[in-house]
Amino acid sequence: MSHSNGKFAIAYVFLVALPITGLVGILRSGRSLKAPNSVDGVWNIQAATTKAPLSSCVSALGHDPDTPVTISQSGKNFTITAGKARGTGVIDGTALQASLSPAKVPAANCGSDGSVALTATLEAKASPRALSGILSVAGCPSCESVEFHALKQASIQKKGGQ
């Protein structure tokens, strides 16, 4: 083998064979990866019971039931906007956990900062998608939890597929 053929063989191994081997390894290791369920979009949320008014701590969120809730998702993390209240959360399978900061100053008996915990389950196979869960005030054992149901609004398709 001549000197130039040896250089060509070494260059071929480094520039072609190693990258292809690496790519095959990456594809095999990623074969078992699964994307998280999508909760991104606009949701119509309603309290499950209307027997009693919302506790002052939950109503401090400032959410109007007629105003949709917006969720923006990136991977398994999401941000949620409910009226003037904002929060962040995580989705694991079909379970959602989030913490919302109140829009108004909560009552003094509403826990340390009056943040509201959202715990929900996604009904991914439902059409439209649905959430069922509980809103509870963190650090406030005297505050009643509120059950809720939410339906995802259909996304509006723009003409031209864009």
N, C-alpha and C. Protein backbone atom coordinates (compact mmCIF):
# COMPACT_ATOMS: atom_id res chain seq x y z
N MET A 1 0.85 -1.16 0.00
CA MET A 1 0.00 0.00 0.00
C MET A 1 0.90 1.24 0.00
N SER A 2 0.60 2.16 -0.90
CA SER A 2 1.42 3.37 -0.99
C SER A 2 1.05 4.34 0.13
N HIS A 3 1.92 5.30 0.31
CA HIS A 3 1.74 6.29 1.38
C HIS A 3 0.43 7.09 1.21
N SER A 4 0.09 7.48 -0.03
CA SER A 4 -1.15 8.24 -0.26
C SER A 4 -2.39 7.38 -0.05
N ASN A 5 -2.33 6.09 -0.38
CA ASN A 5 -3.47 5.20 -0.12
C ASN A 5 -3.69 5.02 1.38
N GLY A 6 -2.60 4.97 2.15
CA GLY A 6 -2.71 4.85 3.61
C GLY A 6 -3.39 6.07 4.21
N LYS A 7 -3.02 7.28 3.72
CA LYS A 7 -3.65 8.52 4.20
C LYS A 7 -5.13 8.53 3.83
N PHE A 8 -5.44 8.06 2.63
CA PHE A 8 -6.84 8.01 2.19
C PHE A 8 -7.64 7.06 3.09
N ALA A 9 -7.10 5.90 3.42
CA ALA A 9 -7.79 4.93 4.27
C ALA A 9 -8.04 5.50 5.67
N ILE A 10 -7.04 6.18 6.22
CA ILE A 10 -7.21 6.80 7.55
C ILE A 10 -8.27 7.89 7.50
N ALA A 11 -8.22 8.73 6.46
CA ALA A 11 -9.22 9.80 6.32
C ALA A 11 -10.61 9.21 6.16
N TYR A 12 -10.72 8.12 5.40
CA TYR A 12 -12.02 7.47 5.18
C TYR A 12 -12.59 6.96 6.51
N VAL A 13 -11.76 6.33 7.30
CA VAL A 13 -12.21 5.80 8.59
C VAL A 13 -12.71 6.94 9.48
N PHE A 14 -11.95 8.04 9.58
CA PHE A 14 -12.34 9.14 10.45
C PHE A 14 -13.51 9.96 9.92
N LEU A 15 -13.60 10.13 8.61
CA LEU A 15 -14.63 11.01 8.05
C LEU A 15 -15.91 10.29 7.62
N VAL A 16 -15.87 8.97 7.45
CA VAL A 16 -17.05 8.24 7.00
C VAL A 16 -17.44 7.13 7.98
N ALA A 17 -16.53 6.23 8.23
CA ALA A 17 -16.87 5.05 9.03
C ALA A 17 -17.24 5.39 10.47
N LEU A 18 -16.45 6.23 11.15
CA LEU A 18 -16.76 6.58 12.55
C LEU A 18 -18.08 7.35 12.67
N PRO A 19 -18.35 8.38 11.85
CA PRO A 19 -19.65 9.05 11.96
C PRO A 19 -20.84 8.12 11.70
N ILE A 20 -20.73 7.22 10.74
CA ILE A 20 -21.84 6.29 10.47
C ILE A 20 -22.03 5.35 11.65
N THR A 21 -20.95 4.86 12.24
CA THR A 21 -21.04 4.00 13.41
C THR A 21 -21.70 4.75 14.57
N GLY A 22 -21.31 6.01 14.79
CA GLY A 22 -21.91 6.83 15.84
C GLY A 22 -23.39 7.05 15.60
N LEU A 23 -23.77 7.34 14.36
CA LEU A 23 -25.17 7.56 14.02
C LEU A 23 -26.01 6.31 14.27
N VAL A 24 -25.51 5.16 13.89
CA VAL A 24 -26.22 3.90 14.13
C VAL A 24 -26.41 3.69 15.63
N GLY A 25 -25.38 3.97 16.43
CA GLY A 25 -25.48 3.83 17.89
C GLY A 25 -26.51 4.77 18.48
N ILE A 26 -26.53 6.01 18.03
CA ILE A 26 -27.51 6.99 18.52
C ILE A 26 -28.93 6.56 18.16
N LEU A 27 -29.14 6.11 16.93
CA LEU A 27 -30.47 5.68 16.51
C LEU A 27 -30.95 4.47 17.32
N ARG A 28 -30.05 3.54 17.61
CA ARG A 28 -30.44 2.37 18.40
C ARG A 28 -30.78 2.75 19.83
N SER A 29 -30.00 3.65 20.42
CA SER A 29 -30.28 4.03 21.81
C SER A 29 -31.55 4.88 21.92
N GLY A 30 -31.90 5.62 20.87
CA GLY A 30 -33.10 6.45 20.89
C GLY A 30 -34.36 5.73 20.49
N ARG A 31 -34.24 4.47 20.10
CA ARG A 31 -35.39 3.70 19.64
C ARG A 31 -36.48 3.59 20.71
N SER A 32 -36.08 3.56 21.98
CA SER A 32 -37.06 3.38 23.06
C SER A 32 -37.60 4.70 23.59
N LEU A 33 -37.13 5.83 23.09
CA LEU A 33 -37.62 7.12 23.57
C LEU A 33 -39.07 7.35 23.12
N LYS A 34 -39.84 7.99 23.98
CA LYS A 34 -41.23 8.29 23.67
C LYS A 34 -41.51 9.74 24.03
N ALA A 35 -42.13 10.45 23.13
CA ALA A 35 -42.47 11.85 23.38
C ALA A 35 -43.54 11.94 24.46
N PRO A 36 -43.49 12.99 25.30
CA PRO A 36 -44.54 13.15 26.31
C PRO A 36 -45.87 13.49 25.65
N ASN A 37 -46.97 13.20 26.36
CA ASN A 37 -48.29 13.58 25.87
C ASN A 37 -48.36 15.09 25.70
N SER A 38 -49.11 15.52 24.72
CA SER A 38 -49.24 16.95 24.46
C SER A 38 -50.40 17.55 25.25
N VAL A 39 -50.11 18.63 25.97
CA VAL A 39 -51.15 19.39 26.66
C VAL A 39 -51.14 20.84 26.18
N ASP A 40 -50.31 21.12 25.18
CA ASP A 40 -50.16 22.46 24.63
C ASP A 40 -51.46 22.91 23.99
N GLY A 41 -51.88 24.12 24.29
CA GLY A 41 -53.07 24.67 23.65
C GLY A 41 -53.95 25.44 24.61
N VAL A 42 -55.16 25.67 24.18
CA VAL A 42 -56.14 26.44 24.94
C VAL A 42 -57.18 25.47 25.50
N TRP A 43 -57.48 25.61 26.78
CA TRP A 43 -58.39 24.71 27.49
C TRP A 43 -59.53 25.50 28.11
N ASN A 44 -60.73 24.95 28.04
CA ASN A 44 -61.88 25.50 28.75
C ASN A 44 -62.01 24.73 30.05
N ILE A 45 -61.93 25.44 31.17
CA ILE A 45 -61.91 24.79 32.48
C ILE A 45 -63.18 25.16 33.26
N GLN A 46 -63.73 24.17 33.95
CA GLN A 46 -64.92 24.39 34.77
C GLN A 46 -64.76 23.66 36.09
N ALA A 47 -65.19 24.30 37.17
CA ALA A 47 -65.20 23.63 38.47
C ALA A 47 -66.23 22.51 38.40
N ALA A 48 -65.89 21.37 38.97
CA ALA A 48 -66.77 20.20 38.90
C ALA A 48 -68.02 20.37 39.74
N THR A 49 -67.91 21.11 40.83
CA THR A 49 -69.08 21.32 41.69
C THR A 49 -69.39 22.80 41.78
N THR A 50 -70.64 23.10 41.81
CA THR A 50 -71.05 24.50 41.95
C THR A 50 -71.86 24.69 43.22
N LYS A 51 -71.74 23.74 44.17
CA LYS A 51 -72.50 23.80 45.42
C LYS A 51 -72.13 25.03 46.24
N ALA A 52 -70.86 25.28 46.37
CA ALA A 52 -70.39 26.38 47.21
C ALA A 52 -69.48 27.28 46.39
N PRO A 53 -69.38 28.55 46.78
CA PRO A 53 -68.46 29.43 46.07
C PRO A 53 -67.01 28.98 46.32
N LEU A 54 -66.13 29.36 45.41
CA LEU A 54 -64.73 29.02 45.57
C LEU A 54 -64.17 29.65 46.83
N SER A 55 -63.23 28.95 47.47
CA SER A 55 -62.61 29.53 48.66
C SER A 55 -61.88 30.80 48.26
N SER A 56 -61.71 31.71 49.23
CA SER A 56 -61.05 32.98 48.91
C SER A 56 -59.62 32.74 48.45
N CYS A 57 -59.01 31.66 48.91
CA CYS A 57 -57.63 31.36 48.51
C CYS A 57 -57.57 30.96 47.04
N VAL A 58 -58.47 30.07 46.59
CA VAL A 58 -58.48 29.66 45.18
C VAL A 58 -58.96 30.81 44.30
N SER A 59 -59.93 31.59 44.78
CA SER A 59 -60.41 32.71 43.97
C SER A 59 -59.36 33.80 43.84
N ALA A 60 -58.31 33.78 44.68
CA ALA A 60 -57.21 34.75 44.55
C ALA A 60 -56.45 34.56 43.24
N LEU A 61 -56.64 33.40 42.59
CA LEU A 61 -56.01 33.19 41.29
C LEU A 61 -56.52 34.22 40.28
N GLY A 62 -57.73 34.72 40.50
CA GLY A 62 -58.29 35.72 39.59
C GLY A 62 -58.74 35.13 38.27
N HIS A 63 -59.07 33.83 38.28
CA HIS A 63 -59.49 33.17 37.04
C HIS A 63 -60.99 33.28 36.86
N ASP A 64 -61.40 33.80 35.72
CA ASP A 64 -62.79 33.87 35.33
C ASP A 64 -63.12 32.56 34.60
N PRO A 65 -64.16 31.82 35.04
CA PRO A 65 -64.47 30.55 34.40
C PRO A 65 -64.75 30.66 32.90
N ASP A 66 -65.12 31.84 32.43
CA ASP A 66 -65.38 32.02 31.00
C ASP A 66 -64.11 32.29 30.20
N THR A 67 -62.99 32.49 30.88
CA THR A 67 -61.72 32.75 30.21
C THR A 67 -60.95 31.45 30.06
N PRO A 68 -60.54 31.12 28.85
CA PRO A 68 -59.79 29.87 28.66
C PRO A 68 -58.42 29.91 29.35
N VAL A 69 -57.91 28.74 29.65
CA VAL A 69 -56.58 28.56 30.23
C VAL A 69 -55.64 28.19 29.09
N THR A 70 -54.47 28.80 29.06
CA THR A 70 -53.50 28.53 28.01
C THR A 70 -52.31 27.77 28.58
N ILE A 71 -51.96 26.68 27.92
CA ILE A 71 -50.79 25.90 28.31
C ILE A 71 -49.81 25.89 27.16
N SER A 72 -48.56 26.25 27.46
CA SER A 72 -47.47 26.19 26.48
C SER A 72 -46.50 25.13 26.95
N GLN A 73 -46.21 24.17 26.09
CA GLN A 73 -45.42 23.00 26.48
C GLN A 73 -44.11 22.93 25.71
N SER A 74 -43.07 22.53 26.41
CA SER A 74 -41.78 22.23 25.80
C SER A 74 -41.27 20.95 26.45
N GLY A 75 -41.37 19.85 25.71
CA GLY A 75 -41.00 18.56 26.28
C GLY A 75 -41.97 18.18 27.38
N LYS A 76 -41.43 17.79 28.54
CA LYS A 76 -42.31 17.42 29.64
C LYS A 76 -42.63 18.61 30.56
N ASN A 77 -42.05 19.77 30.29
CA ASN A 77 -42.32 20.97 31.08
C ASN A 77 -43.35 21.85 30.38
N PHE A 78 -44.13 22.57 31.18
CA PHE A 78 -45.12 23.48 30.59
C PHE A 78 -45.31 24.70 31.47
N THR A 79 -45.82 25.76 30.84
CA THR A 79 -46.25 26.95 31.58
C THR A 79 -47.76 27.04 31.39
N ILE A 80 -48.43 27.54 32.42
CA ILE A 80 -49.88 27.65 32.38
C ILE A 80 -50.27 29.07 32.74
N THR A 81 -51.20 29.62 31.99
CA THR A 81 -51.73 30.96 32.24
C THR A 81 -53.24 30.85 32.39
N ALA A 82 -53.72 31.25 33.56
CA ALA A 82 -55.15 31.22 33.84
C ALA A 82 -55.55 32.62 34.27
N GLY A 83 -56.08 33.39 33.32
CA GLY A 83 -56.37 34.79 33.63
C GLY A 83 -55.07 35.53 33.87
N LYS A 84 -54.93 36.12 35.07
CA LYS A 84 -53.70 36.83 35.42
C LYS A 84 -52.74 35.94 36.21
N ALA A 85 -53.16 34.74 36.57
CA ALA A 85 -52.30 33.82 37.30
C ALA A 85 -51.41 33.07 36.33
N ARG A 86 -50.19 32.83 36.75
CA ARG A 86 -49.23 32.12 35.91
C ARG A 86 -48.52 31.07 36.75
N GLY A 87 -48.09 30.00 36.08
CA GLY A 87 -47.36 28.97 36.80
C GLY A 87 -46.61 28.05 35.85
N THR A 88 -45.89 27.13 36.45
CA THR A 88 -45.13 26.16 35.69
C THR A 88 -45.44 24.77 36.21
N GLY A 89 -45.21 23.78 35.36
CA GLY A 89 -45.48 22.42 35.77
C GLY A 89 -44.76 21.40 34.94
N VAL A 90 -45.03 20.13 35.25
CA VAL A 90 -44.39 18.99 34.61
C VAL A 90 -45.45 17.96 34.29
N ILE A 91 -45.33 17.32 33.12
CA ILE A 91 -46.21 16.22 32.77
C ILE A 91 -45.37 14.94 32.76
N ASP A 92 -45.89 13.92 33.45
CA ASP A 92 -45.23 12.62 33.51
C ASP A 92 -46.26 11.57 33.14
N GLY A 93 -46.17 11.07 31.90
CA GLY A 93 -47.20 10.15 31.41
C GLY A 93 -48.49 10.92 31.19
N THR A 94 -49.52 10.61 31.97
CA THR A 94 -50.78 11.35 31.89
C THR A 94 -51.01 12.21 33.13
N ALA A 95 -50.03 12.27 34.03
CA ALA A 95 -50.16 13.05 35.27
C ALA A 95 -49.52 14.42 35.11
N LEU A 96 -50.27 15.47 35.48
CA LEU A 96 -49.78 16.84 35.45
C LEU A 96 -49.67 17.36 36.87
N GLN A 97 -48.58 18.07 37.14
CA GLN A 97 -48.37 18.75 38.42
C GLN A 97 -47.92 20.16 38.09
N ALA A 98 -48.57 21.17 38.69
CA ALA A 98 -48.18 22.56 38.44
C ALA A 98 -48.41 23.38 39.69
N SER A 99 -47.75 24.51 39.74
CA SER A 99 -47.93 25.47 40.83
C SER A 99 -48.23 26.82 40.19
N LEU A 100 -49.33 27.43 40.62
CA LEU A 100 -49.76 28.72 40.07
C LEU A 100 -49.61 29.80 41.13
N SER A 101 -49.07 30.95 40.72
CA SER A 101 -48.97 32.09 41.61
C SER A 101 -50.24 32.91 41.47
N PRO A 102 -50.80 33.38 42.59
CA PRO A 102 -52.07 34.12 42.52
C PRO A 102 -51.90 35.48 41.85
N ALA A 103 -53.00 35.91 41.22
CA ALA A 103 -53.02 37.22 40.57
C ALA A 103 -53.24 38.32 41.61
N LYS A 104 -54.02 37.99 42.64
CA LYS A 104 -54.32 38.95 43.71
C LYS A 104 -53.59 38.52 44.97
N VAL A 105 -53.45 39.44 45.90
CA VAL A 105 -52.86 39.09 47.19
C VAL A 105 -53.85 38.19 47.92
N PRO A 106 -53.41 36.98 48.29
CA PRO A 106 -54.33 36.06 48.95
C PRO A 106 -54.61 36.49 50.39
N ALA A 107 -55.66 35.94 50.95
CA ALA A 107 -56.00 36.21 52.34
C ALA A 107 -54.86 35.72 53.23
N ALA A 108 -54.77 36.27 54.42
CA ALA A 108 -53.68 35.94 55.34
C ALA A 108 -53.67 34.47 55.73
N ASN A 109 -54.83 33.82 55.71
CA ASN A 109 -54.91 32.41 56.13
C ASN A 109 -54.71 31.43 54.98
N CYS A 110 -54.15 31.88 53.86
CA CYS A 110 -54.02 31.04 52.66
C CYS A 110 -52.64 30.42 52.50
N GLY A 111 -51.96 30.14 53.55
CA GLY A 111 -50.65 29.52 53.42
C GLY A 111 -49.57 30.57 53.26
N SER A 112 -48.36 30.11 53.06
CA SER A 112 -47.21 31.02 53.06
C SER A 112 -47.27 32.05 51.93
N ASP A 113 -47.43 31.60 50.70
CA ASP A 113 -47.46 32.55 49.58
C ASP A 113 -48.76 32.51 48.79
N GLY A 114 -49.67 31.66 49.21
CA GLY A 114 -50.97 31.56 48.54
C GLY A 114 -50.91 30.86 47.20
N SER A 115 -49.80 30.17 46.89
CA SER A 115 -49.71 29.48 45.61
C SER A 115 -50.71 28.32 45.57
N VAL A 116 -51.20 28.06 44.40
CA VAL A 116 -52.21 27.02 44.21
C VAL A 116 -51.59 25.87 43.43
N ALA A 117 -51.74 24.67 43.96
CA ALA A 117 -51.21 23.47 43.31
C ALA A 117 -52.28 22.88 42.40
N LEU A 118 -51.89 22.56 41.19
CA LEU A 118 -52.78 21.90 40.24
C LEU A 118 -52.27 20.48 40.07
N THR A 119 -53.15 19.52 40.31
CA THR A 119 -52.85 18.11 40.08
C THR A 119 -53.93 17.60 39.16
N ALA A 120 -53.55 17.04 38.01
CA ALA A 120 -54.56 16.61 37.04
C ALA A 120 -54.11 15.36 36.30
N THR A 121 -55.10 14.72 35.70
CA THR A 121 -54.86 13.55 34.87
C THR A 121 -55.38 13.85 33.47
N LEU A 122 -54.56 13.58 32.47
CA LEU A 122 -54.92 13.80 31.08
C LEU A 122 -55.64 12.58 30.54
N GLU A 123 -56.78 12.80 29.92
CA GLU A 123 -57.50 11.73 29.22
C GLU A 123 -57.10 11.87 27.75
N ALA A 124 -55.94 11.29 27.43
CA ALA A 124 -55.31 11.50 26.12
C ALA A 124 -56.10 10.91 24.96
N LYS A 125 -56.85 9.85 25.20
CA LYS A 125 -57.58 9.20 24.12
C LYS A 125 -58.95 9.82 23.88
N ALA A 126 -59.38 10.72 24.77
CA ALA A 126 -60.67 11.38 24.61
C ALA A 126 -60.59 12.36 23.45
N SER A 127 -61.71 12.61 22.80
CA SER A 127 -61.75 13.57 21.72
C SER A 127 -62.93 14.52 21.96
N PRO A 128 -62.70 15.77 22.28
CA PRO A 128 -61.41 16.42 22.45
C PRO A 128 -60.72 15.95 23.74
N ARG A 129 -59.42 16.23 23.81
CA ARG A 129 -58.66 15.84 24.99
C ARG A 129 -59.27 16.50 26.23
N ALA A 130 -59.15 15.80 27.35
CA ALA A 130 -59.75 16.29 28.59
C ALA A 130 -58.76 16.17 29.74
N LEU A 131 -58.94 17.05 30.71
CA LEU A 131 -58.19 17.01 31.97
C LEU A 131 -59.19 16.93 33.10
N SER A 132 -58.87 16.16 34.12
CA SER A 132 -59.64 16.12 35.35
C SER A 132 -58.65 16.27 36.49
N GLY A 133 -58.97 17.14 37.44
CA GLY A 133 -58.01 17.32 38.50
C GLY A 133 -58.52 18.12 39.68
N ILE A 134 -57.56 18.56 40.49
CA ILE A 134 -57.86 19.28 41.73
C ILE A 134 -56.96 20.50 41.82
N LEU A 135 -57.54 21.61 42.26
CA LEU A 135 -56.79 22.81 42.63
C LEU A 135 -56.80 22.88 44.15
N SER A 136 -55.63 22.98 44.74
CA SER A 136 -55.55 23.08 46.20
C SER A 136 -54.51 24.12 46.57
N VAL A 137 -54.73 24.78 47.70
CA VAL A 137 -53.83 25.82 48.14
C VAL A 137 -52.70 25.19 48.95
N ALA A 138 -51.47 25.43 48.51
CA ALA A 138 -50.31 24.85 49.17
C ALA A 138 -50.16 25.45 50.57
N GLY A 139 -49.95 24.59 51.55
CA GLY A 139 -49.71 25.04 52.92
C GLY A 139 -50.93 25.58 53.63
N CYS A 140 -52.12 25.22 53.19
CA CYS A 140 -53.35 25.70 53.82
C CYS A 140 -54.29 24.53 54.04
N PRO A 141 -54.17 23.86 55.18
CA PRO A 141 -55.03 22.70 55.43
C PRO A 141 -56.51 23.07 55.60
N SER A 142 -56.80 24.33 55.94
CA SER A 142 -58.20 24.71 56.13
C SER A 142 -58.89 25.09 54.82
N CYS A 143 -58.13 25.27 53.74
CA CYS A 143 -58.71 25.64 52.45
C CYS A 143 -59.23 24.39 51.74
N GLU A 144 -60.45 24.48 51.22
CA GLU A 144 -61.02 23.35 50.49
C GLU A 144 -60.44 23.27 49.09
N SER A 145 -60.20 22.04 48.65
CA SER A 145 -59.74 21.81 47.28
C SER A 145 -60.91 21.95 46.33
N VAL A 146 -60.62 22.28 45.09
CA VAL A 146 -61.66 22.43 44.07
C VAL A 146 -61.39 21.44 42.95
N GLU A 147 -62.35 20.58 42.67
CA GLU A 147 -62.22 19.66 41.53
C GLU A 147 -62.59 20.41 40.27
N PHE A 148 -61.94 20.06 39.16
CA PHE A 148 -62.24 20.71 37.90
C PHE A 148 -62.15 19.72 36.75
N HIS A 149 -62.77 20.09 35.65
CA HIS A 149 -62.68 19.36 34.38
C HIS A 149 -62.35 20.41 33.32
N ALA A 150 -61.56 20.00 32.34
CA ALA A 150 -61.19 20.92 31.26
C ALA A 150 -61.22 20.17 29.94
N LEU A 151 -61.66 20.86 28.90
CA LEU A 151 -61.66 20.31 27.54
C LEU A 151 -60.78 21.19 26.67
N LYS A 152 -59.98 20.54 25.83
CA LYS A 152 -59.09 21.29 24.95
C LYS A 152 -59.88 21.83 23.77
N GLN A 153 -59.66 23.11 23.48
CA GLN A 153 -60.31 23.72 22.33
C GLN A 153 -59.64 23.21 21.06
N ALA A 154 -60.42 23.07 20.02
CA ALA A 154 -59.87 22.66 18.72
C ALA A 154 -58.99 23.79 18.21
N SER A 155 -57.83 23.43 17.68
CA SER A 155 -56.95 24.45 17.12
C SER A 155 -57.48 24.90 15.78
N ILE A 156 -57.30 26.16 15.50
CA ILE A 156 -57.81 26.75 14.25
C ILE A 156 -56.72 26.60 13.20
N GLN A 157 -57.05 25.94 12.09
CA GLN A 157 -56.11 25.75 10.99
C GLN A 157 -56.19 26.97 10.06
N LYS A 158 -55.03 27.54 9.78
CA LYS A 158 -54.98 28.66 8.84
C LYS A 158 -55.02 28.14 7.43
N LYS A 159 -55.57 28.93 6.51
CA LYS A 159 -55.59 28.53 5.10
C LYS A 159 -54.19 28.44 4.57
N GLY A 160 -53.95 27.49 3.72
CA GLY A 160 -52.62 27.32 3.14
C GLY A 160 -51.72 26.44 3.98
N GLY A 161 -52.26 25.88 5.09
CA GLY A 161 -51.50 24.95 5.90
C GLY A 161 -50.34 25.58 6.66
N GLN A 162 -50.43 26.86 6.96
CA GLN A 162 -49.32 27.52 7.65
C GLN A 162 -49.74 27.98 9.00
